[in-house]
Structure formats: structure tokens, C-alpha cells
């Protein structure tokens, strides 16, 4: 019985996500979003003009957006953009908005 209890902390430690295991959402943007939205978020990615990639660096547009609504668009898709609900959790979608997308527009005044 002592062996089972000794193994419990190890199982908990192995199953808990660490900072190193946290998903790199900047890398997700580079892999999935850059093709339309571009490196700088201007919508000038290789497929951006053809598919109508939104200019995420437009500070005025971004200032009017709610993070929760943007996260829903990321998860469910919008227009030509596919949904990424199978690749991202709701929390990851919100972090993508806050940590990756908002900084793209931060340099422009609304």
C-alpha cells in the first residue's frame, strides 16, 4: 500500500502541465495564421489578398473588438478562415488574441 501512495505525487507531477509544456501560440500563428494575415498581421500573407485576410494590425479596428468574440472567430472560423477549435482550447484562443494578435495592433493608435 505504501508503494501506491508514493507513486501518486509522481503521477500528479507528470500529468500537470508545466510552463515548458505550454503551447507556443506565436508558433501557432506562424504555422496557421501567417499565410493569410502575414508576418505583421496586415493581411498581406501569401493567401491574404486572395482570401481577404483581415488586417489585424489595424489599431482602430482592433480597438473595437472584444477578445471573447475574436476567440470565438478563431475557434469557429469566419468567412474564408477555417475554425481552429480542434487545434486550440478556448483558453489558448483567448491567449492567442491577448498575447499575439493585440500586440500586432498596439503600435497604431485607435
PDB file of N, CA and C in Angstrom:
ATOM      1  N   UNK A   1       0.820  -1.191   0.000  1.00  0.00           N
ATOM      2  CA  UNK A   1       0.000   0.000   0.000  1.00  0.00           C
ATOM      3  C   UNK A   1       0.864   1.254   0.000  1.00  0.00           C
ATOM      4  N   UNK A   2       2.010   1.228   0.610  1.00  0.00           N
ATOM      5  CA  UNK A   2       2.904   2.368   0.642  1.00  0.00           C
ATOM      6  C   UNK A   2       3.423   2.732  -0.740  1.00  0.00           C
ATOM      7  N   UNK A   3       3.568   1.742  -1.617  1.00  0.00           N
ATOM      8  CA  UNK A   3       4.064   1.999  -2.968  1.00  0.00           C
ATOM      9  C   UNK A   3       3.048   2.814  -3.758  1.00  0.00           C
ATOM     10  N   UNK A   4       1.758   2.506  -3.606  1.00  0.00           N
ATOM     11  CA  UNK A   4       0.723   3.242  -4.338  1.00  0.00           C
ATOM     12  C   UNK A   4       0.742   4.721  -3.955  1.00  0.00           C
ATOM     13  N   UNK A   5       0.833   5.013  -2.663  1.00  0.00           N
ATOM     14  CA  UNK A   5       0.832   6.402  -2.218  1.00  0.00           C
ATOM     15  C   UNK A   5       2.113   7.122  -2.631  1.00  0.00           C
ATOM     16  N   UNK A   6       3.214   6.423  -2.685  1.00  0.00           N
ATOM     17  CA  UNK A   6       4.473   7.031  -3.097  1.00  0.00           C
ATOM     18  C   UNK A   6       4.430   7.401  -4.581  1.00  0.00           C
ATOM     19  N   UNK A   7       3.709   6.642  -5.374  1.00  0.00           N
ATOM     20  CA  UNK A   7       3.629   6.894  -6.814  1.00  0.00           C
ATOM     21  C   UNK A   7       2.653   8.027  -7.139  1.00  0.00           C
ATOM     22  N   UNK A   8       1.711   8.303  -6.245  1.00  0.00           N
ATOM     23  CA  UNK A   8       0.699   9.324  -6.510  1.00  0.00           C
ATOM     24  C   UNK A   8       1.304  10.702  -6.792  1.00  0.00           C
ATOM     25  N   UNK A   9       2.232  11.213  -5.991  1.00  0.00           N
ATOM     26  CA  UNK A   9       2.812  12.526  -6.315  1.00  0.00           C
ATOM     27  C   UNK A   9       3.514  12.534  -7.677  1.00  0.00           C
ATOM     28  N   UNK A  10       4.132  11.430  -8.048  1.00  0.00           N
ATOM     29  CA  UNK A  10       4.799  11.332  -9.341  1.00  0.00           C
ATOM     30  C   UNK A  10       3.782  11.425 -10.474  1.00  0.00           C
ATOM     31  N   UNK A  11       2.655  10.741 -10.335  1.00  0.00           N
ATOM     32  CA  UNK A  11       1.608  10.790 -11.357  1.00  0.00           C
ATOM     33  C   UNK A  11       1.035  12.198 -11.488  1.00  0.00           C
ATOM     34  N   UNK A  12       0.815  12.853 -10.380  1.00  0.00           N
ATOM     35  CA  UNK A  12       0.291  14.218 -10.401  1.00  0.00           C
ATOM     36  C   UNK A  12       1.294  15.144 -11.074  1.00  0.00           C
ATOM     37  N   UNK A  13       2.562  15.013 -10.746  1.00  0.00           N
ATOM     38  CA  UNK A  13       3.597  15.864 -11.336  1.00  0.00           C
ATOM     39  C   UNK A  13       3.719  15.627 -12.831  1.00  0.00           C
ATOM     40  N   UNK A  14       3.592  14.381 -13.271  1.00  0.00           N
ATOM     41  CA  UNK A  14       3.703  14.084 -14.690  1.00  0.00           C
ATOM     42  C   UNK A  14       2.493  14.559 -15.491  1.00  0.00           C
ATOM     43  N   UNK A  15       1.324  14.596 -14.880  1.00  0.00           N
ATOM     44  CA  UNK A  15       0.119  14.980 -15.610  1.00  0.00           C
ATOM     45  C   UNK A  15      -0.136  16.491 -15.597  1.00  0.00           C
ATOM     46  N   UNK A  16       0.474  17.227 -14.690  1.00  0.00           N
ATOM     47  CA  UNK A  16       0.253  18.672 -14.612  1.00  0.00           C
ATOM     48  C   UNK A  16       1.075  19.377 -15.686  1.00  0.00           C
ATOM     49  N   UNK A  17       0.462  20.278 -16.460  1.00  0.00           N
ATOM     50  CA  UNK A  17       1.232  20.983 -17.481  1.00  0.00           C
ATOM     51  C   UNK A  17       2.209  21.958 -16.848  1.00  0.00           C
ATOM     52  N   UNK A  18       3.405  21.984 -17.361  1.00  0.00           N
ATOM     53  CA  UNK A  18       4.405  22.919 -16.851  1.00  0.00           C
ATOM     54  C   UNK A  18       4.522  24.084 -17.819  1.00  0.00           C
ATOM     55  N   UNK A  19       5.251  25.093 -17.425  1.00  0.00           N
ATOM     56  CA  UNK A  19       5.460  26.248 -18.294  1.00  0.00           C
ATOM     57  C   UNK A  19       6.142  25.826 -19.591  1.00  0.00           C
ATOM     58  N   UNK A  20       7.025  24.837 -19.514  1.00  0.00           N
ATOM     59  CA  UNK A  20       7.719  24.366 -20.698  1.00  0.00           C
ATOM     60  C   UNK A  20       6.757  23.666 -21.660  1.00  0.00           C
ATOM     61  N   UNK A  21       5.675  23.079 -21.124  1.00  0.00           N
ATOM     62  CA  UNK A  21       4.716  22.375 -21.955  1.00  0.00           C
ATOM     63  C   UNK A  21       3.637  23.308 -22.510  1.00  0.00           C
ATOM     64  N   UNK A  22       3.571  24.528 -22.048  1.00  0.00           N
ATOM     65  CA  UNK A  22       2.559  25.464 -22.526  1.00  0.00           C
ATOM     66  C   UNK A  22       2.761  25.685 -24.020  1.00  0.00           C
ATOM     67  N   UNK A  23       1.677  25.714 -24.735  1.00  0.00           N
ATOM     68  CA  UNK A  23       1.732  25.843 -26.185  1.00  0.00           C
ATOM     69  C   UNK A  23       2.309  27.203 -26.593  1.00  0.00           C
ATOM     70  N   UNK A  24       3.207  27.180 -27.549  1.00  0.00           N
ATOM     71  CA  UNK A  24       3.779  28.414 -28.092  1.00  0.00           C
ATOM     72  C   UNK A  24       2.798  28.946 -29.130  1.00  0.00           C
ATOM     73  N   UNK A  25       1.999  29.926 -28.745  1.00  0.00           N
ATOM     74  CA  UNK A  25       0.961  30.439 -29.623  1.00  0.00           C
ATOM     75  C   UNK A  25       1.533  31.340 -30.716  1.00  0.00           C
ATOM     76  N   UNK A  26       2.711  31.881 -30.504  1.00  0.00           N
ATOM     77  CA  UNK A  26       3.370  32.620 -31.587  1.00  0.00           C
ATOM     78  C   UNK A  26       3.723  31.655 -32.717  1.00  0.00           C
ATOM     79  N   UNK A  27       4.165  30.477 -32.350  1.00  0.00           N
ATOM     80  CA  UNK A  27       4.472  29.450 -33.347  1.00  0.00           C
ATOM     81  C   UNK A  27       3.191  29.001 -34.049  1.00  0.00           C
ATOM     82  N   UNK A  28       2.095  28.873 -33.308  1.00  0.00           N
ATOM     83  CA  UNK A  28       0.810  28.524 -33.921  1.00  0.00           C
ATOM     84  C   UNK A  28       0.429  29.587 -34.952  1.00  0.00           C
ATOM     85  N   UNK A  29       0.600  30.857 -34.614  1.00  0.00           N
ATOM     86  CA  UNK A  29       0.307  31.942 -35.552  1.00  0.00           C
ATOM     87  C   UNK A  29       1.165  31.776 -36.811  1.00  0.00           C
ATOM     88  N   UNK A  30       2.456  31.520 -36.620  1.00  0.00           N
ATOM     89  CA  UNK A  30       3.346  31.359 -37.778  1.00  0.00           C
ATOM     90  C   UNK A  30       2.919  30.183 -38.647  1.00  0.00           C
ATOM     91  N   UNK A  31       2.479  29.101 -38.030  1.00  0.00           N
ATOM     92  CA  UNK A  31       2.115  27.892 -38.780  1.00  0.00           C
ATOM     93  C   UNK A  31       0.745  27.996 -39.441  1.00  0.00           C
ATOM     94  N   UNK A  32      -0.219  28.632 -38.795  1.00  0.00           N
ATOM     95  CA  UNK A  32      -1.602  28.588 -39.263  1.00  0.00           C
ATOM     96  C   UNK A  32      -2.168  29.911 -39.765  1.00  0.00           C
ATOM     97  N   UNK A  33      -1.722  31.029 -39.221  1.00  0.00           N
ATOM     98  CA  UNK A  33      -2.363  32.319 -39.494  1.00  0.00           C
ATOM     99  C   UNK A  33      -1.587  33.190 -40.466  1.00  0.00           C
ATOM    100  N   UNK A  34      -0.280  33.072 -40.442  1.00  0.00           N
ATOM    101  CA  UNK A  34       0.597  33.911 -41.237  1.00  0.00           C
ATOM    102  C   UNK A  34       0.280  33.836 -42.724  1.00  0.00           C
ATOM    103  N   UNK A  35      -0.138  32.693 -43.213  1.00  0.00           N
ATOM    104  CA  UNK A  35      -0.394  32.508 -44.641  1.00  0.00           C
ATOM    105  C   UNK A  35      -1.434  33.507 -45.171  1.00  0.00           C
ATOM    106  N   UNK A  36      -2.355  33.925 -44.338  1.00  0.00           N
ATOM    107  CA  UNK A  36      -3.343  34.930 -44.756  1.00  0.00           C
ATOM    108  C   UNK A  36      -3.102  36.287 -44.104  1.00  0.00           C
ATOM    109  N   UNK A  37      -2.818  36.300 -42.819  1.00  0.00           N
ATOM    110  CA  UNK A  37      -2.702  37.558 -42.084  1.00  0.00           C
ATOM    111  C   UNK A  37      -1.315  38.186 -42.185  1.00  0.00           C
ATOM    112  N   UNK A  38      -0.328  37.438 -42.640  1.00  0.00           N
ATOM    113  CA  UNK A  38       1.013  37.964 -42.813  1.00  0.00           C
ATOM    114  C   UNK A  38       1.813  38.006 -41.526  1.00  0.00           C
ATOM    115  N   UNK A  39       3.099  38.173 -41.674  1.00  0.00           N
ATOM    116  CA  UNK A  39       4.015  38.205 -40.528  1.00  0.00           C
ATOM    117  C   UNK A  39       3.636  39.319 -39.565  1.00  0.00           C
ATOM    118  N   UNK A  40       3.280  40.477 -40.116  1.00  0.00           N
ATOM    119  CA  UNK A  40       2.985  41.642 -39.293  1.00  0.00           C
ATOM    120  C   UNK A  40       1.491  41.841 -39.032  1.00  0.00           C
ATOM    121  N   UNK A  41       0.662  40.897 -39.468  1.00  0.00           N
ATOM    122  CA  UNK A  41      -0.769  40.972 -39.217  1.00  0.00           C
ATOM    123  C   UNK A  41      -1.544  41.870 -40.162  1.00  0.00           C
ATOM    124  N   UNK A  42      -0.903  42.387 -41.189  1.00  0.00           N
ATOM    125  CA  UNK A  42      -1.554  43.340 -42.085  1.00  0.00           C
ATOM    126  C   UNK A  42      -2.489  42.704 -43.108  1.00  0.00           C
ATOM    127  N   UNK A  43      -2.552  41.381 -43.146  1.00  0.00           N
ATOM    128  CA  UNK A  43      -3.397  40.704 -44.138  1.00  0.00           C
ATOM    129  C   UNK A  43      -2.689  40.502 -45.457  1.00  0.00           C
ATOM    130  N   UNK A  44      -1.384  40.719 -45.469  1.00  0.00           N
ATOM    131  CA  UNK A  44      -0.604  40.599 -46.697  1.00  0.00           C
ATOM    132  C   UNK A  44       0.195  39.303 -46.754  1.00  0.00           C
ATOM    133  N   UNK A  45      -0.380  38.232 -46.215  1.00  0.00           N
ATOM    134  CA  UNK A  45       0.269  36.934 -46.327  1.00  0.00           C
ATOM    135  C   UNK A  45       0.111  36.403 -47.741  1.00  0.00           C
ATOM    136  N   UNK A  46       0.756  35.300 -48.078  1.00  0.00           N
ATOM    137  CA  UNK A  46       0.678  34.752 -49.427  1.00  0.00           C
ATOM    138  C   UNK A  46      -0.755  34.544 -49.946  1.00  0.00           C
ATOM    139  N   UNK A  47      -1.677  34.189 -49.072  1.00  0.00           N
ATOM    140  CA  UNK A  47      -3.073  33.990 -49.480  1.00  0.00           C
ATOM    141  C   UNK A  47      -3.989  35.110 -49.005  1.00  0.00           C
ATOM    142  N   UNK A  48      -3.446  36.100 -48.352  1.00  0.00           N
ATOM    143  CA  UNK A  48      -4.245  37.155 -47.743  1.00  0.00           C
ATOM    144  C   UNK A  48      -5.102  37.940 -48.711  1.00  0.00           C
ATOM    145  N   UNK A  49      -4.529  38.403 -49.800  1.00  0.00           N
ATOM    146  CA  UNK A  49      -5.287  39.212 -50.766  1.00  0.00           C
ATOM    147  C   UNK A  49      -6.375  38.369 -51.429  1.00  0.00           C
ATOM    148  N   UNK A  50      -6.040  37.156 -51.805  1.00  0.00           N
ATOM    149  CA  UNK A  50      -6.994  36.278 -52.497  1.00  0.00           C
ATOM    150  C   UNK A  50      -8.167  35.888 -51.600  1.00  0.00           C
ATOM    151  N   UNK A  51      -7.874  35.630 -50.330  1.00  0.00           N
ATOM    152  CA  UNK A  51      -8.919  35.161 -49.417  1.00  0.00           C
ATOM    153  C   UNK A  51      -9.471  36.260 -48.509  1.00  0.00           C
ATOM    154  N   UNK A  52      -8.957  37.455 -48.630  1.00  0.00           N
ATOM    155  CA  UNK A  52      -9.462  38.554 -47.808  1.00  0.00           C
ATOM    156  C   UNK A  52      -8.993  38.496 -46.378  1.00  0.00           C
ATOM    157  N   UNK A  53      -7.703  38.250 -46.174  1.00  0.00           N
ATOM    158  CA  UNK A  53      -7.145  38.196 -44.820  1.00  0.00           C
ATOM    159  C   UNK A  53      -7.326  39.521 -44.097  1.00  0.00           C
ATOM    160  N   UNK A  54      -7.939  39.499 -42.945  1.00  0.00           N
ATOM    161  CA  UNK A  54      -8.199  40.694 -42.134  1.00  0.00           C
ATOM    162  C   UNK A  54      -6.887  41.342 -41.719  1.00  0.00           C
ATOM    163  N   UNK A  55      -6.842  42.653 -41.754  1.00  0.00           N
ATOM    164  CA  UNK A  55      -5.696  43.420 -41.269  1.00  0.00           C
ATOM    165  C   UNK A  55      -5.800  43.497 -39.747  1.00  0.00           C
ATOM    166  N   UNK A  56      -5.104  42.605 -39.080  1.00  0.00           N
ATOM    167  CA  UNK A  56      -5.120  42.556 -37.615  1.00  0.00           C
ATOM    168  C   UNK A  56      -4.264  43.647 -36.992  1.00  0.00           C
ATOM    169  N   UNK A  57      -3.447  44.319 -37.794  1.00  0.00           N
ATOM    170  CA  UNK A  57      -2.598  45.391 -37.287  1.00  0.00           C
ATOM    171  C   UNK A  57      -3.302  46.741 -37.327  1.00  0.00           C
ATOM    172  N   UNK A  58      -4.546  46.753 -37.773  1.00  0.00           N
ATOM    173  CA  UNK A  58      -5.330  47.992 -37.810  1.00  0.00           C
ATOM    174  C   UNK A  58      -5.798  48.300 -36.395  1.00  0.00           C
ATOM    175  N   UNK A  59      -5.117  49.240 -35.757  1.00  0.00           N
ATOM    176  CA  UNK A  59      -5.400  49.562 -34.358  1.00  0.00           C
ATOM    177  C   UNK A  59      -6.821  50.037 -34.128  1.00  0.00           C
ATOM    178  N   UNK A  60      -7.375  50.776 -35.076  1.00  0.00           N
ATOM    179  CA  UNK A  60      -8.760  51.263 -34.925  1.00  0.00           C
ATOM    180  C   UNK A  60      -9.750  50.112 -34.942  1.00  0.00           C
ATOM    181  N   UNK A  61      -9.575  49.199 -35.887  1.00  0.00           N
ATOM    182  CA  UNK A  61     -10.467  48.039 -35.954  1.00  0.00           C
ATOM    183  C   UNK A  61     -10.323  47.194 -34.692  1.00  0.00           C
ATOM    184  N   UNK A  62      -9.069  46.933 -34.301  1.00  0.00           N
ATOM    185  CA  UNK A  62      -8.830  46.050 -33.168  1.00  0.00           C
ATOM    186  C   UNK A  62      -9.369  46.636 -31.868  1.00  0.00           C
ATOM    187  N   UNK A  63      -9.318  47.949 -31.725  1.00  0.00           N
ATOM    188  CA  UNK A  63      -9.803  48.597 -30.501  1.00  0.00           C
ATOM    189  C   UNK A  63     -11.297  48.383 -30.308  1.00  0.00           C
ATOM    190  N   UNK A  64     -12.019  48.149 -31.386  1.00  0.00           N
ATOM    191  CA  UNK A  64     -13.468  47.937 -31.299  1.00  0.00           C
ATOM    192  C   UNK A  64     -13.845  46.469 -31.085  1.00  0.00           C
ATOM    193  N   UNK A  65     -12.871  45.587 -31.043  1.00  0.00           N
ATOM    194  CA  UNK A  65     -13.136  44.155 -30.941  1.00  0.00           C
ATOM    195  C   UNK A  65     -13.048  43.680 -29.489  1.00  0.00           C
ATOM    196  N   UNK A  66     -13.894  42.750 -29.150  1.00  0.00           N
ATOM    197  CA  UNK A  66     -13.846  42.097 -27.835  1.00  0.00           C
ATOM    198  C   UNK A  66     -12.998  40.831 -27.956  1.00  0.00           C
ATOM    199  N   UNK A  67     -12.130  40.610 -26.993  1.00  0.00           N
ATOM    200  CA  UNK A  67     -11.275  39.421 -27.021  1.00  0.00           C
ATOM    201  C   UNK A  67     -12.091  38.134 -27.130  1.00  0.00           C
ATOM    202  N   UNK A  68     -13.189  38.060 -26.387  1.00  0.00           N
ATOM    203  CA  UNK A  68     -14.013  36.845 -26.392  1.00  0.00           C
ATOM    204  C   UNK A  68     -14.591  36.582 -27.786  1.00  0.00           C
ATOM    205  N   UNK A  69     -15.032  37.634 -28.472  1.00  0.00           N
ATOM    206  CA  UNK A  69     -15.596  37.472 -29.817  1.00  0.00           C
ATOM    207  C   UNK A  69     -14.514  37.050 -30.810  1.00  0.00           C
ATOM    208  N   UNK A  70     -13.321  37.606 -30.670  1.00  0.00           N
ATOM    209  CA  UNK A  70     -12.220  37.203 -31.543  1.00  0.00           C
ATOM    210  C   UNK A  70     -11.844  35.746 -31.304  1.00  0.00           C
ATOM    211  N   UNK A  71     -11.850  35.329 -30.045  1.00  0.00           N
ATOM    212  CA  UNK A  71     -11.544  33.933 -29.718  1.00  0.00           C
ATOM    213  C   UNK A  71     -12.574  33.005 -30.351  1.00  0.00           C
ATOM    214  N   UNK A  72     -13.855  33.386 -30.325  1.00  0.00           N
ATOM    215  CA  UNK A  72     -14.904  32.574 -30.955  1.00  0.00           C
ATOM    216  C   UNK A  72     -14.650  32.479 -32.456  1.00  0.00           C
ATOM    217  N   UNK A  73     -14.288  33.581 -33.095  1.00  0.00           N
ATOM    218  CA  UNK A  73     -13.985  33.563 -34.528  1.00  0.00           C
ATOM    219  C   UNK A  73     -12.824  32.629 -34.829  1.00  0.00           C
ATOM    220  N   UNK A  74     -11.821  32.633 -33.973  1.00  0.00           N
ATOM    221  CA  UNK A  74     -10.666  31.747 -34.159  1.00  0.00           C
ATOM    222  C   UNK A  74     -11.095  30.297 -34.028  1.00  0.00           C
ATOM    223  N   UNK A  75     -11.915  30.004 -33.047  1.00  0.00           N
ATOM    224  CA  UNK A  75     -12.327  28.626 -32.796  1.00  0.00           C
ATOM    225  C   UNK A  75     -13.318  28.101 -33.834  1.00  0.00           C
ATOM    226  N   UNK A  76     -14.256  28.949 -34.250  1.00  0.00           N
ATOM    227  CA  UNK A  76     -15.322  28.500 -35.155  1.00  0.00           C
ATOM    228  C   UNK A  76     -15.072  28.847 -36.620  1.00  0.00           C
ATOM    229  N   UNK A  77     -14.197  29.822 -36.867  1.00  0.00           N
ATOM    230  CA  UNK A  77     -13.929  30.267 -38.226  1.00  0.00           C
ATOM    231  C   UNK A  77     -14.826  31.435 -38.585  1.00  0.00           C
ATOM    232  N   UNK A  78     -14.450  32.100 -39.668  1.00  0.00           N
ATOM    233  CA  UNK A  78     -15.234  33.254 -40.122  1.00  0.00           C
ATOM    234  C   UNK A  78     -14.867  33.520 -41.573  1.00  0.00           C
ATOM    235  N   UNK A  79     -15.862  33.629 -42.436  1.00  0.00           N
ATOM    236  CA  UNK A  79     -15.597  33.845 -43.848  1.00  0.00           C
ATOM    237  C   UNK A  79     -14.754  32.711 -44.407  1.00  0.00           C
ATOM    238  N   UNK A  80     -13.660  33.053 -45.072  1.00  0.00           N
ATOM    239  CA  UNK A  80     -12.772  32.042 -45.649  1.00  0.00           C
ATOM    240  C   UNK A  80     -11.867  31.396 -44.594  1.00  0.00           C
ATOM    241  N   UNK A  81     -11.816  31.979 -43.392  1.00  0.00           N
ATOM    242  CA  UNK A  81     -10.950  31.439 -42.350  1.00  0.00           C
ATOM    243  C   UNK A  81     -11.572  30.195 -41.727  1.00  0.00           C
ATOM    244  N   UNK A  82     -10.809  29.105 -41.695  1.00  0.00           N
ATOM    245  CA  UNK A  82     -11.331  27.895 -41.046  1.00  0.00           C
ATOM    246  C   UNK A  82     -11.335  28.064 -39.534  1.00  0.00           C
ATOM    247  N   UNK A  83     -12.122  27.259 -38.854  1.00  0.00           N
ATOM    248  CA  UNK A  83     -12.108  27.246 -37.400  1.00  0.00           C
ATOM    249  C   UNK A  83     -10.959  26.395 -36.889  1.00  0.00           C
ATOM    250  N   UNK A  84     -10.413  26.794 -35.767  1.00  0.00           N
ATOM    251  CA  UNK A  84      -9.297  26.062 -35.176  1.00  0.00           C
ATOM    252  C   UNK A  84      -9.684  25.438 -33.841  1.00  0.00           C
ATOM    253  N   UNK A  85     -10.974  25.169 -33.674  1.00  0.00           N
ATOM    254  CA  UNK A  85     -11.474  24.589 -32.438  1.00  0.00           C
ATOM    255  C   UNK A  85     -10.932  23.211 -32.124  1.00  0.00           C
ATOM    256  N   UNK A  86     -10.455  22.510 -33.127  1.00  0.00           N
ATOM    257  CA  UNK A  86      -9.858  21.189 -32.879  1.00  0.00           C
ATOM    258  C   UNK A  86      -8.391  21.286 -32.493  1.00  0.00           C
ATOM    259  N   UNK A  87      -7.767  22.410 -32.814  1.00  0.00           N
ATOM    260  CA  UNK A  87      -6.348  22.583 -32.500  1.00  0.00           C
ATOM    261  C   UNK A  87      -6.108  23.425 -31.251  1.00  0.00           C
ATOM    262  N   UNK A  88      -7.070  24.279 -30.891  1.00  0.00           N
ATOM    263  CA  UNK A  88      -6.898  25.182 -29.757  1.00  0.00           C
ATOM    264  C   UNK A  88      -8.044  25.045 -28.765  1.00  0.00           C
ATOM    265  N   UNK A  89      -7.724  25.191 -27.510  1.00  0.00           N
ATOM    266  CA  UNK A  89      -8.766  25.281 -26.489  1.00  0.00           C
ATOM    267  C   UNK A  89      -9.267  26.718 -26.461  1.00  0.00           C
ATOM    268  N   UNK A  90     -10.353  26.969 -25.754  1.00  0.00           N
ATOM    269  CA  UNK A  90     -10.862  28.336 -25.626  1.00  0.00           C
ATOM    270  C   UNK A  90      -9.827  29.229 -24.947  1.00  0.00           C
ATOM    271  N   UNK A  91      -9.178  28.719 -23.922  1.00  0.00           N
ATOM    272  CA  UNK A  91      -8.149  29.491 -23.224  1.00  0.00           C
ATOM    273  C   UNK A  91      -6.978  29.834 -24.130  1.00  0.00           C
ATOM    274  N   UNK A  92      -6.580  28.883 -24.965  1.00  0.00           N
ATOM    275  CA  UNK A  92      -5.484  29.146 -25.901  1.00  0.00           C
ATOM    276  C   UNK A  92      -5.892  30.185 -26.937  1.00  0.00           C
ATOM    277  N   UNK A  93      -7.135  30.123 -27.408  1.00  0.00           N
ATOM    278  CA  UNK A  93      -7.616  31.116 -28.373  1.00  0.00           C
ATOM    279  C   UNK A  93      -7.608  32.509 -27.747  1.00  0.00           C
ATOM    280  N   UNK A  94      -8.023  32.607 -26.492  1.00  0.00           N
ATOM    281  CA  UNK A  94      -8.002  33.906 -25.805  1.00  0.00           C
ATOM    282  C   UNK A  94      -6.570  34.406 -25.602  1.00  0.00           C
ATOM    283  N   UNK A  95      -5.665  33.491 -25.276  1.00  0.00           N
ATOM    284  CA  UNK A  95      -4.255  33.878 -25.122  1.00  0.00           C
ATOM    285  C   UNK A  95      -3.654  34.279 -26.466  1.00  0.00           C
ATOM    286  N   UNK A  96      -4.066  33.621 -27.534  1.00  0.00           N
ATOM    287  CA  UNK A  96      -3.598  33.996 -28.871  1.00  0.00           C
ATOM    288  C   UNK A  96      -4.001  35.441 -29.174  1.00  0.00           C
ATOM    289  N   UNK A  97      -5.232  35.783 -28.838  1.00  0.00           N
ATOM    290  CA  UNK A  97      -5.700  37.161 -29.051  1.00  0.00           C
ATOM    291  C   UNK A  97      -4.889  38.134 -28.204  1.00  0.00           C
ATOM    292  N   UNK A  98      -4.786  37.857 -26.911  1.00  0.00           N
ATOM    293  CA  UNK A  98      -4.148  38.789 -25.982  1.00  0.00           C
ATOM    294  C   UNK A  98      -2.636  38.889 -26.166  1.00  0.00           C
ATOM    295  N   UNK A  99      -1.979  37.759 -26.384  1.00  0.00           N
ATOM    296  CA  UNK A  99      -0.513  37.731 -26.382  1.00  0.00           C
ATOM    297  C   UNK A  99       0.118  37.851 -27.765  1.00  0.00           C
ATOM    298  N   UNK A 100      -0.628  37.515 -28.810  1.00  0.00           N
ATOM    299  CA  UNK A 100      -0.054  37.526 -30.158  1.00  0.00           C
ATOM    300  C   UNK A 100      -0.729  38.569 -31.049  1.00  0.00           C
ATOM    301  N   UNK A 101      -2.052  38.581 -31.087  1.00  0.00           N
ATOM    302  CA  UNK A 101      -2.749  39.470 -32.009  1.00  0.00           C
ATOM    303  C   UNK A 101      -2.812  40.919 -31.534  1.00  0.00           C
ATOM    304  N   UNK A 102      -3.169  41.131 -30.278  1.00  0.00           N
ATOM    305  CA  UNK A 102      -3.260  42.516 -29.776  1.00  0.00           C
ATOM    306  C   UNK A 102      -1.939  43.273 -29.941  1.00  0.00           C
ATOM    307  N   UNK A 103      -0.796  42.661 -29.664  1.00  0.00           N
ATOM    308  CA  UNK A 103       0.466  43.389 -29.865  1.00  0.00           C
ATOM    309  C   UNK A 103       0.710  43.814 -31.319  1.00  0.00           C
ATOM    310  N   UNK A 104       0.129  43.100 -32.284  1.00  0.00           N
ATOM    311  CA  UNK A 104       0.287  43.497 -33.689  1.00  0.00           C
ATOM    312  C   UNK A 104      -0.328  44.870 -33.937  1.00  0.00           C
ATOM    313  N   UNK A 105      -1.423  45.155 -33.261  1.00  0.00           N
ATOM    314  CA  UNK A 105      -2.138  46.432 -33.450  1.00  0.00           C
ATOM    315  C   UNK A 105      -1.711  47.484 -32.429  1.00  0.00           C
ATOM    316  N   UNK A 106      -0.940  47.098 -31.436  1.00  0.00           N
ATOM    317  CA  UNK A 106      -0.620  48.016 -30.340  1.00  0.00           C
ATOM    318  C   UNK A 106       0.191  49.229 -30.783  1.00  0.00           C
ATOM    319  N   UNK A 107       0.951  49.100 -31.848  1.00  0.00           N
ATOM    320  CA  UNK A 107       1.787  50.221 -32.271  1.00  0.00           C
ATOM    321  C   UNK A 107       0.995  51.303 -32.995  1.00  0.00           C
ATOM    322  N   UNK A 108      -0.251  51.030 -33.371  1.00  0.00           N
ATOM    323  CA  UNK A 108      -1.101  52.039 -34.021  1.00  0.00           C
ATOM    324  C   UNK A 108      -2.113  52.570 -33.029  1.00  0.00           C
ATOM    325  N   UNK A 109      -2.309  53.848 -33.017  1.00  0.00           N
ATOM    326  CA  UNK A 109      -3.296  54.475 -32.121  1.00  0.00           C
ATOM    327  C   UNK A 109      -4.680  54.288 -32.710  1.00  0.00           C
ATOM    328  N   UNK A 110      -5.675  53.938 -31.858  1.00  0.00           N
ATOM    329  CA  UNK A 110      -7.049  53.794 -32.378  1.00  0.00           C
ATOM    330  C   UNK A 110      -7.637  55.127 -32.785  1.00  0.00           C
TER     331      UNK A 110
END
